[in-house]
Amino acid sequence: MLKGLFGLNLSHNNLTETIPTEIGEIEVLESLDLSFNQLSGPIIPRSISKLSKLGLLILSHKIFCREFSREGHLSTFNETLSFGDNPYL
C-alpha cells in the first residue's frame, strides 16, 4: 500500500460499496476526498477513524445512497468535514 501518501482523491470514481478499509493503512494520510460516489456501507470504517493525521475528509455531493446517522466513528473526527449536498447525512 502507499504508506507515504499524504492526500487521496477518490472523487468521481463510481465507488458503490463501502469505503475501502485499506485506506486505513496509509498512516500519514492528511486528506481524503470521497465526493461524488454512491457508497452504501458505514460512513467511516473503523480503520479510517484511526488515521491520526487525517485533517480533511470530504463526503459531499450525494456520496451515500441511503440514510445514516452521524454518530459512531464520525463523531470522533475532530477536524474539517464536508457534507455539502448530501441529503442522507
C-alpha atoms as a PDB file:
ATOM      1  CA  MET A   1       0.000   0.000   0.000  1.00  0.00           C
ATOM      2  CA  LEU A   2       1.033   3.630  -0.413  1.00  0.00           C
ATOM      3  CA  LYS A   3       2.215   4.309   3.130  1.00  0.00           C
ATOM      4  CA  GLY A   4       3.795   7.677   2.224  1.00  0.00           C
ATOM      5  CA  LEU A   5       0.682   9.176   0.600  1.00  0.00           C
ATOM      6  CA  PHE A   6      -0.491  12.475   2.147  1.00  0.00           C
ATOM      7  CA  GLY A   7      -3.611  13.158   0.063  1.00  0.00           C
ATOM      8  CA  LEU A   8      -6.026  10.821  -1.696  1.00  0.00           C
ATOM      9  CA  ASN A   9      -8.761  11.995  -4.061  1.00  0.00           C
ATOM     10  CA  LEU A  10     -11.231   9.239  -4.938  1.00  0.00           C
ATOM     11  CA  SER A  11     -13.999  11.579  -6.078  1.00  0.00           C
ATOM     12  CA  HIS A  12     -15.927  10.722  -9.246  1.00  0.00           C
ATOM     13  CA  ASN A  13     -14.737   7.086  -9.150  1.00  0.00           C
ATOM     14  CA  ASN A  14     -18.124   5.355  -9.177  1.00  0.00           C
ATOM     15  CA  LEU A  15     -17.444   3.712  -5.809  1.00  0.00           C
ATOM     16  CA  THR A  16     -20.608   1.816  -4.900  1.00  0.00           C
ATOM     17  CA  GLU A  17     -19.847  -0.358  -1.879  1.00  0.00           C
ATOM     18  CA  THR A  18     -18.009   0.677   1.278  1.00  0.00           C
ATOM     19  CA  ILE A  19     -15.022   2.924   1.817  1.00  0.00           C
ATOM     20  CA  PRO A  20     -12.034   0.609   1.238  1.00  0.00           C
ATOM     21  CA  THR A  21     -10.622  -0.374   4.636  1.00  0.00           C
ATOM     22  CA  GLU A  22      -7.110  -0.482   3.151  1.00  0.00           C
ATOM     23  CA  ILE A  23      -7.129   3.318   3.214  1.00  0.00           C
ATOM     24  CA  GLY A  24      -6.685   2.970   6.979  1.00  0.00           C
ATOM     25  CA  GLU A  25      -3.190   1.597   6.366  1.00  0.00           C
ATOM     26  CA  ILE A  26      -1.979   4.920   4.928  1.00  0.00           C
ATOM     27  CA  GLU A  27      -0.769   6.199   8.297  1.00  0.00           C
ATOM     28  CA  VAL A  28       0.360   9.650   7.111  1.00  0.00           C
ATOM     29  CA  LEU A  29      -2.815  10.440   5.127  1.00  0.00           C
ATOM     30  CA  GLU A  30      -3.867  14.050   5.764  1.00  0.00           C
ATOM     31  CA  SER A  31      -6.760  14.493   3.322  1.00  0.00           C
ATOM     32  CA  LEU A  32      -9.347  12.169   1.800  1.00  0.00           C
ATOM     33  CA  ASP A  33     -11.927  13.185  -0.815  1.00  0.00           C
ATOM     34  CA  LEU A  34     -14.726  10.686  -1.440  1.00  0.00           C
ATOM     35  CA  SER A  35     -17.213  13.101  -3.014  1.00  0.00           C
ATOM     36  CA  PHE A  36     -19.453  12.251  -5.973  1.00  0.00           C
ATOM     37  CA  ASN A  37     -19.699   8.491  -5.285  1.00  0.00           C
ATOM     38  CA  GLN A  38     -22.601   6.207  -4.298  1.00  0.00           C
ATOM     39  CA  LEU A  39     -21.403   4.349  -1.214  1.00  0.00           C
ATOM     40  CA  SER A  40     -23.688   2.132   0.837  1.00  0.00           C
ATOM     41  CA  GLY A  41     -21.554   0.930   3.744  1.00  0.00           C
ATOM     42  CA  PRO A  42     -20.605   2.516   7.065  1.00  0.00           C
ATOM     43  CA  ILE A  43     -19.902   6.237   6.906  1.00  0.00           C
ATOM     44  CA  ILE A  44     -16.455   5.845   8.409  1.00  0.00           C
ATOM     45  CA  PRO A  45     -14.980   2.353   8.720  1.00  0.00           C
ATOM     46  CA  ARG A  46     -13.110   1.784  11.981  1.00  0.00           C
ATOM     47  CA  SER A  47      -9.811   1.697  10.062  1.00  0.00           C
ATOM     48  CA  ILE A  48     -10.360   5.231   8.697  1.00  0.00           C
ATOM     49  CA  SER A  49     -11.279   6.654  12.105  1.00  0.00           C
ATOM     50  CA  LYS A  50      -7.822   5.595  13.361  1.00  0.00           C
ATOM     51  CA  LEU A  51      -5.941   7.847  10.899  1.00  0.00           C
ATOM     52  CA  SER A  52      -4.466  10.292  13.395  1.00  0.00           C
ATOM     53  CA  LYS A  53      -3.115  12.722  10.777  1.00  0.00           C
ATOM     54  CA  LEU A  54      -6.330  12.954   8.724  1.00  0.00           C
ATOM     55  CA  GLY A  55      -7.322  16.623   8.836  1.00  0.00           C
ATOM     56  CA  LEU A  56      -9.676  16.923   5.851  1.00  0.00           C
ATOM     57  CA  LEU A  57     -12.452  14.486   4.995  1.00  0.00           C
ATOM     58  CA  ILE A  58     -14.804  15.328   2.116  1.00  0.00           C
ATOM     59  CA  LEU A  59     -18.064  13.364   1.993  1.00  0.00           C
ATOM     60  CA  SER A  60     -20.059  15.798  -0.132  1.00  0.00           C
ATOM     61  CA  HIS A  61     -22.294  15.640  -3.195  1.00  0.00           C
ATOM     62  CA  LYS A  62     -24.539  12.644  -2.668  1.00  0.00           C
ATOM     63  CA  ILE A  63     -21.778  10.260  -1.671  1.00  0.00           C
ATOM     64  CA  PHE A  64     -24.158   7.904   0.168  1.00  0.00           C
ATOM     65  CA  CYS A  65     -27.241   6.288  -1.328  1.00  0.00           C
ATOM     66  CA  ARG A  66     -29.095   5.605   1.933  1.00  0.00           C
ATOM     67  CA  GLU A  67     -29.721   7.363   5.234  1.00  0.00           C
ATOM     68  CA  PHE A  68     -27.119   7.335   8.026  1.00  0.00           C
ATOM     69  CA  SER A  69     -26.640   8.700  11.500  1.00  0.00           C
ATOM     70  CA  ARG A  70     -23.704  10.999  12.199  1.00  0.00           C
ATOM     71  CA  GLU A  71     -22.960   9.043  15.356  1.00  0.00           C
ATOM     72  CA  GLY A  72     -20.252   6.428  15.773  1.00  0.00           C
ATOM     73  CA  HIS A  73     -16.856   6.754  14.124  1.00  0.00           C
ATOM     74  CA  LEU A  74     -17.782  10.064  12.510  1.00  0.00           C
ATOM     75  CA  SER A  75     -18.279  11.700  15.907  1.00  0.00           C
ATOM     76  CA  THR A  76     -14.613  11.015  16.764  1.00  0.00           C
ATOM     77  CA  PHE A  77     -13.376  13.005  13.769  1.00  0.00           C
ATOM     78  CA  ASN A  78     -12.498  16.477  15.088  1.00  0.00           C
ATOM     79  CA  GLU A  79     -11.040  18.159  12.010  1.00  0.00           C
ATOM     80  CA  THR A  80     -12.591  19.514   8.798  1.00  0.00           C
ATOM     81  CA  LEU A  81     -15.589  17.626   7.443  1.00  0.00           C
ATOM     82  CA  SER A  82     -17.532  18.489   4.292  1.00  0.00           C
ATOM     83  CA  PHE A  83     -21.098  17.152   3.949  1.00  0.00           C
ATOM     84  CA  GLY A  84     -22.459  19.615   1.354  1.00  0.00           C
ATOM     85  CA  ASP A  85     -25.252  18.486  -0.987  1.00  0.00           C
ATOM     86  CA  ASN A  86     -25.709  15.155   0.745  1.00  0.00           C
ATOM     87  CA  PRO A  87     -29.353  14.541   1.706  1.00  0.00           C
ATOM     88  CA  TYR A  88     -28.581  11.302   3.565  1.00  0.00           C
ATOM     89  CA  LEU A  89     -26.285  12.875   6.169  1.00  0.00           C
END
